[in-house]
Amino acid sequence: MLRIQLRHIKGDKIVALMLTAQDQVWLKHWQQNSPEIRKNAIEWRKQPAFHRVDKPSRISRARRLGYKAKQGIVVIRTRVGTGGMRRQRPVAGRRQKHLGVTRIKADVNMQQVAENRTKEKYKNMRMLGSYFLYKDGFHYWFEVILADRVHPRITKDKELRKRVISA
């Protein structure tokens, strides 16, 4: 497997990241907003907010998070709407000059929102991890990897059993 080193500036620090060849291709497509990814996003918009996929879009990233192509492991593509939070406008009493309605920031990022919504929808599954797919003006897409706690294939796998059942 071919690996190269990429320097990433984070604040005033330079962080070295090791990326596989597959990750480099995906990163290049995403940075250049390639037609392949945009074509996929058009299809994803038509799908429901939680869509089960046969195999991960970023297979190397999914494997690092614990994905294995076996029964009992599910990959869900989750769509989360962008936009800030709004508070309800005051109805009665004194109205302050600046209402405090807009510019309210959420305490959690979009990836955590996607993870929490997916966990709420699939209550019997345990989350192994999630990763970013794409973002446009309206939505963020993440893929969330879930494992079924009681599936026989998961309970027989020593590595997954530690992460899924005991955690």
C-alpha atoms as a PDB file:
ATOM      1  CA  MET A   1       0.000   0.000   0.000  1.00  0.00           C
ATOM      2  CA  LEU A   2       1.447   3.348  -1.057  1.00  0.00           C
ATOM      3  CA  ARG A   3       1.638   6.009   1.655  1.00  0.00           C
ATOM      4  CA  ILE A   4       2.882   9.564   1.420  1.00  0.00           C
ATOM      5  CA  GLN A   5       3.284  12.304   3.956  1.00  0.00           C
ATOM      6  CA  LEU A   6       1.073  15.387   3.768  1.00  0.00           C
ATOM      7  CA  ARG A   7       1.763  18.525   5.781  1.00  0.00           C
ATOM      8  CA  HIS A   8      -1.313  20.189   7.165  1.00  0.00           C
ATOM      9  CA  ILE A   9      -1.250  23.628   8.801  1.00  0.00           C
ATOM     10  CA  LYS A  10      -3.463  23.698  11.895  1.00  0.00           C
ATOM     11  CA  GLY A  11      -3.290  27.061  13.603  1.00  0.00           C
ATOM     12  CA  ASP A  12       0.382  27.864  13.886  1.00  0.00           C
ATOM     13  CA  LYS A  13       1.474  24.201  13.914  1.00  0.00           C
ATOM     14  CA  ILE A  14       2.346  22.003  10.962  1.00  0.00           C
ATOM     15  CA  VAL A  15       0.903  18.532  11.431  1.00  0.00           C
ATOM     16  CA  ALA A  16       2.148  15.624   9.316  1.00  0.00           C
ATOM     17  CA  LEU A  17      -0.566  13.225   8.167  1.00  0.00           C
ATOM     18  CA  MET A  18      -0.012   9.838   6.583  1.00  0.00           C
ATOM     19  CA  LEU A  19      -2.524   9.212   3.806  1.00  0.00           C
ATOM     20  CA  THR A  20      -3.024   6.107   1.719  1.00  0.00           C
ATOM     21  CA  ALA A  21      -3.207   6.417  -2.054  1.00  0.00           C
ATOM     22  CA  GLN A  22      -6.969   5.904  -1.876  1.00  0.00           C
ATOM     23  CA  ASP A  23      -7.332   8.702   0.682  1.00  0.00           C
ATOM     24  CA  GLN A  24      -5.229  11.003  -1.483  1.00  0.00           C
ATOM     25  CA  VAL A  25      -7.509  10.424  -4.480  1.00  0.00           C
ATOM     26  CA  TRP A  26     -10.620  11.084  -2.389  1.00  0.00           C
ATOM     27  CA  LEU A  27      -9.076  14.235  -0.879  1.00  0.00           C
ATOM     28  CA  LYS A  28      -8.115  15.541  -4.324  1.00  0.00           C
ATOM     29  CA  HIS A  29     -11.648  14.920  -5.677  1.00  0.00           C
ATOM     30  CA  TRP A  30     -13.211  16.622  -2.664  1.00  0.00           C
ATOM     31  CA  GLN A  31     -10.906  19.674  -2.789  1.00  0.00           C
ATOM     32  CA  GLN A  32     -11.472  20.165  -6.515  1.00  0.00           C
ATOM     33  CA  ASN A  33     -15.238  19.513  -6.184  1.00  0.00           C
ATOM     34  CA  SER A  34     -14.999  16.944  -8.957  1.00  0.00           C
ATOM     35  CA  PRO A  35     -17.973  16.010 -11.144  1.00  0.00           C
ATOM     36  CA  GLU A  36     -17.986  12.433  -9.776  1.00  0.00           C
ATOM     37  CA  ILE A  37     -18.653  13.579  -6.227  1.00  0.00           C
ATOM     38  CA  ARG A  38     -21.198  16.180  -7.351  1.00  0.00           C
ATOM     39  CA  LYS A  39     -23.020  13.513  -9.382  1.00  0.00           C
ATOM     40  CA  ASN A  40     -23.135  11.302  -6.278  1.00  0.00           C
ATOM     41  CA  ALA A  41     -24.451  14.199  -4.192  1.00  0.00           C
ATOM     42  CA  ILE A  42     -27.330  14.705  -6.645  1.00  0.00           C
ATOM     43  CA  GLU A  43     -28.352  11.081  -6.081  1.00  0.00           C
ATOM     44  CA  TRP A  44     -27.868  11.352  -2.309  1.00  0.00           C
ATOM     45  CA  ARG A  45     -30.237  14.358  -2.124  1.00  0.00           C
ATOM     46  CA  LYS A  46     -33.069  12.201  -3.515  1.00  0.00           C
ATOM     47  CA  GLN A  47     -32.493   9.476  -0.905  1.00  0.00           C
ATOM     48  CA  PRO A  48     -33.881   9.551   2.630  1.00  0.00           C
ATOM     49  CA  ALA A  49     -31.865  11.075   5.487  1.00  0.00           C
ATOM     50  CA  PHE A  50     -30.762   7.595   6.662  1.00  0.00           C
ATOM     51  CA  HIS A  51     -29.792   5.349   3.773  1.00  0.00           C
ATOM     52  CA  ARG A  52     -28.195   1.938   4.208  1.00  0.00           C
ATOM     53  CA  VAL A  53     -25.336   1.349   1.752  1.00  0.00           C
ATOM     54  CA  ASP A  54     -23.874  -1.983   0.673  1.00  0.00           C
ATOM     55  CA  LYS A  55     -20.259  -0.932   1.042  1.00  0.00           C
ATOM     56  CA  PRO A  56     -18.535   2.223   2.334  1.00  0.00           C
ATOM     57  CA  SER A  57     -17.647   5.044  -0.055  1.00  0.00           C
ATOM     58  CA  ARG A  58     -14.266   5.541   1.642  1.00  0.00           C
ATOM     59  CA  ILE A  59     -13.263   1.936   2.295  1.00  0.00           C
ATOM     60  CA  SER A  60      -9.823   2.630   3.788  1.00  0.00           C
ATOM     61  CA  ARG A  61     -11.266   5.156   6.270  1.00  0.00           C
ATOM     62  CA  ALA A  62     -14.048   2.738   7.181  1.00  0.00           C
ATOM     63  CA  ARG A  63     -11.563  -0.090   7.816  1.00  0.00           C
ATOM     64  CA  ARG A  64      -9.552   2.134  10.144  1.00  0.00           C
ATOM     65  CA  LEU A  65     -12.737   2.711  12.145  1.00  0.00           C
ATOM     66  CA  GLY A  66     -13.449  -1.010  12.460  1.00  0.00           C
ATOM     67  CA  TYR A  67     -15.493  -1.893   9.358  1.00  0.00           C
ATOM     68  CA  LYS A  68     -15.351  -5.504   8.179  1.00  0.00           C
ATOM     69  CA  ALA A  69     -17.328  -6.921   5.271  1.00  0.00           C
ATOM     70  CA  LYS A  70     -19.329  -9.371   7.334  1.00  0.00           C
ATOM     71  CA  GLN A  71     -22.856  -9.918   8.510  1.00  0.00           C
ATOM     72  CA  GLY A  72     -23.881  -7.821  11.478  1.00  0.00           C
ATOM     73  CA  ILE A  73     -21.995  -4.706  10.344  1.00  0.00           C
ATOM     74  CA  VAL A  74     -24.031  -1.994   8.643  1.00  0.00           C
ATOM     75  CA  VAL A  75     -23.019   1.260   6.949  1.00  0.00           C
ATOM     76  CA  ILE A  76     -25.568   4.083   7.027  1.00  0.00           C
ATOM     77  CA  ARG A  77     -25.212   7.263   4.969  1.00  0.00           C
ATOM     78  CA  THR A  78     -26.670  10.068   7.093  1.00  0.00           C
ATOM     79  CA  ARG A  79     -27.725  13.482   5.846  1.00  0.00           C
ATOM     80  CA  VAL A  80     -27.774  16.477   8.192  1.00  0.00           C
ATOM     81  CA  GLY A  81     -29.111  19.909   7.255  1.00  0.00           C
ATOM     82  CA  THR A  82     -26.792  22.898   7.512  1.00  0.00           C
ATOM     83  CA  GLY A  83     -27.669  26.202   9.055  1.00  0.00           C
ATOM     84  CA  GLY A  84     -27.482  27.838  12.420  1.00  0.00           C
ATOM     85  CA  MET A  85     -29.764  27.568  15.371  1.00  0.00           C
ATOM     86  CA  ARG A  86     -32.555  30.055  16.037  1.00  0.00           C
ATOM     87  CA  ARG A  87     -34.226  30.902  19.311  1.00  0.00           C
ATOM     88  CA  GLN A  88     -37.901  31.832  19.489  1.00  0.00           C
ATOM     89  CA  ARG A  89     -38.613  35.555  19.334  1.00  0.00           C
ATOM     90  CA  PRO A  90     -39.790  37.133  22.608  1.00  0.00           C
ATOM     91  CA  VAL A  91     -43.573  37.519  22.629  1.00  0.00           C
ATOM     92  CA  ALA A  92     -44.418  39.284  25.878  1.00  0.00           C
ATOM     93  CA  GLY A  93     -42.626  41.609  28.242  1.00  0.00           C
ATOM     94  CA  ARG A  94     -39.715  43.897  27.559  1.00  0.00           C
ATOM     95  CA  ARG A  95     -38.073  43.422  24.164  1.00  0.00           C
ATOM     96  CA  GLN A  96     -34.316  43.885  24.247  1.00  0.00           C
ATOM     97  CA  LYS A  97     -32.735  45.887  21.436  1.00  0.00           C
ATOM     98  CA  HIS A  98     -30.741  42.894  20.137  1.00  0.00           C
ATOM     99  CA  LEU A  99     -33.195  40.021  20.417  1.00  0.00           C
ATOM    100  CA  GLY A 100     -30.673  37.215  20.813  1.00  0.00           C
ATOM    101  CA  VAL A 101     -32.533  35.195  18.202  1.00  0.00           C
ATOM    102  CA  THR A 102     -29.806  34.583  15.623  1.00  0.00           C
ATOM    103  CA  ARG A 103     -26.083  33.874  15.824  1.00  0.00           C
ATOM    104  CA  ILE A 104     -26.586  31.082  18.337  1.00  0.00           C
ATOM    105  CA  LYS A 105     -23.983  28.345  18.048  1.00  0.00           C
ATOM    106  CA  ALA A 106     -24.534  24.661  18.724  1.00  0.00           C
ATOM    107  CA  ASP A 107     -22.395  22.877  21.309  1.00  0.00           C
ATOM    108  CA  VAL A 108     -21.856  19.865  19.037  1.00  0.00           C
ATOM    109  CA  ASN A 109     -20.493  19.690  15.502  1.00  0.00           C
ATOM    110  CA  MET A 110     -22.373  18.278  12.512  1.00  0.00           C
ATOM    111  CA  GLN A 111     -20.643  14.900  12.700  1.00  0.00           C
ATOM    112  CA  GLN A 112     -21.786  14.398  16.283  1.00  0.00           C
ATOM    113  CA  VAL A 113     -25.316  15.429  15.288  1.00  0.00           C
ATOM    114  CA  ALA A 114     -25.280  12.797  12.514  1.00  0.00           C
ATOM    115  CA  GLU A 115     -23.937  10.145  14.910  1.00  0.00           C
ATOM    116  CA  ASN A 116     -26.547  10.928  17.580  1.00  0.00           C
ATOM    117  CA  ARG A 117     -29.438  10.864  15.093  1.00  0.00           C
ATOM    118  CA  THR A 118     -28.243   7.557  13.654  1.00  0.00           C
ATOM    119  CA  LYS A 119     -27.866   6.023  17.126  1.00  0.00           C
ATOM    120  CA  GLU A 120     -31.374   7.183  17.981  1.00  0.00           C
ATOM    121  CA  LYS A 121     -32.790   5.603  14.817  1.00  0.00           C
ATOM    122  CA  TYR A 122     -30.891   2.296  15.159  1.00  0.00           C
ATOM    123  CA  LYS A 123     -31.151   1.651  18.904  1.00  0.00           C
ATOM    124  CA  ASN A 124     -30.115  -2.010  18.835  1.00  0.00           C
ATOM    125  CA  MET A 125     -26.790  -1.250  17.108  1.00  0.00           C
ATOM    126  CA  ARG A 126     -23.484  -0.059  18.547  1.00  0.00           C
ATOM    127  CA  MET A 127     -21.583   2.649  16.692  1.00  0.00           C
ATOM    128  CA  LEU A 128     -18.013   1.857  15.601  1.00  0.00           C
ATOM    129  CA  GLY A 129     -17.301   5.242  14.035  1.00  0.00           C
ATOM    130  CA  SER A 130     -18.224   7.768  11.382  1.00  0.00           C
ATOM    131  CA  TYR A 131     -16.521   9.881   8.746  1.00  0.00           C
ATOM    132  CA  PHE A 132     -17.233  12.868   6.522  1.00  0.00           C
ATOM    133  CA  LEU A 133     -18.367  12.352   2.928  1.00  0.00           C
ATOM    134  CA  TYR A 134     -19.508  15.598   1.333  1.00  0.00           C
ATOM    135  CA  LYS A 135     -20.954  19.031   2.051  1.00  0.00           C
ATOM    136  CA  ASP A 136     -22.943  21.399  -0.112  1.00  0.00           C
ATOM    137  CA  GLY A 137     -24.949  24.528   0.619  1.00  0.00           C
ATOM    138  CA  PHE A 138     -27.828  22.641   2.224  1.00  0.00           C
ATOM    139  CA  HIS A 139     -26.558  19.362   3.642  1.00  0.00           C
ATOM    140  CA  TYR A 140     -23.653  17.469   5.188  1.00  0.00           C
ATOM    141  CA  TRP A 141     -23.269  13.741   4.500  1.00  0.00           C
ATOM    142  CA  PHE A 142     -21.540  11.302   6.827  1.00  0.00           C
ATOM    143  CA  GLU A 143     -21.248   7.539   6.791  1.00  0.00           C
ATOM    144  CA  VAL A 144     -21.799   5.869  10.160  1.00  0.00           C
ATOM    145  CA  ILE A 145     -20.593   2.311  10.793  1.00  0.00           C
ATOM    146  CA  LEU A 146     -22.813   0.275  13.113  1.00  0.00           C
ATOM    147  CA  ALA A 147     -22.498  -3.244  14.523  1.00  0.00           C
ATOM    148  CA  ASP A 148     -25.301  -5.491  15.778  1.00  0.00           C
ATOM    149  CA  ARG A 149     -24.505  -6.573  19.350  1.00  0.00           C
ATOM    150  CA  VAL A 150     -26.393  -9.873  19.267  1.00  0.00           C
ATOM    151  CA  HIS A 151     -25.482 -11.076  15.771  1.00  0.00           C
ATOM    152  CA  PRO A 152     -23.644 -14.446  15.907  1.00  0.00           C
ATOM    153  CA  ARG A 153     -20.921 -13.294  13.488  1.00  0.00           C
ATOM    154  CA  ILE A 154     -20.110 -10.341  15.739  1.00  0.00           C
ATOM    155  CA  THR A 155     -20.117 -12.364  18.959  1.00  0.00           C
ATOM    156  CA  LYS A 156     -17.702 -14.923  17.438  1.00  0.00           C
ATOM    157  CA  ASP A 157     -15.224 -12.275  16.246  1.00  0.00           C
ATOM    158  CA  LYS A 158     -12.807 -11.581  19.138  1.00  0.00           C
ATOM    159  CA  GLU A 159     -11.761  -8.145  17.936  1.00  0.00           C
ATOM    160  CA  LEU A 160     -15.313  -6.881  17.361  1.00  0.00           C
ATOM    161  CA  ARG A 161     -16.645  -8.556  20.493  1.00  0.00           C
ATOM    162  CA  LYS A 162     -14.306  -6.434  22.623  1.00  0.00           C
ATOM    163  CA  ARG A 163     -15.418  -3.187  20.976  1.00  0.00           C
ATOM    164  CA  VAL A 164     -19.124  -3.869  20.563  1.00  0.00           C
ATOM    165  CA  ILE A 165     -20.369  -6.031  23.429  1.00  0.00           C
ATOM    166  CA  SER A 166     -18.128  -5.020  26.325  1.00  0.00           C
ATOM    167  CA  ALA A 167     -18.154  -1.270  25.561  1.00  0.00           C
END
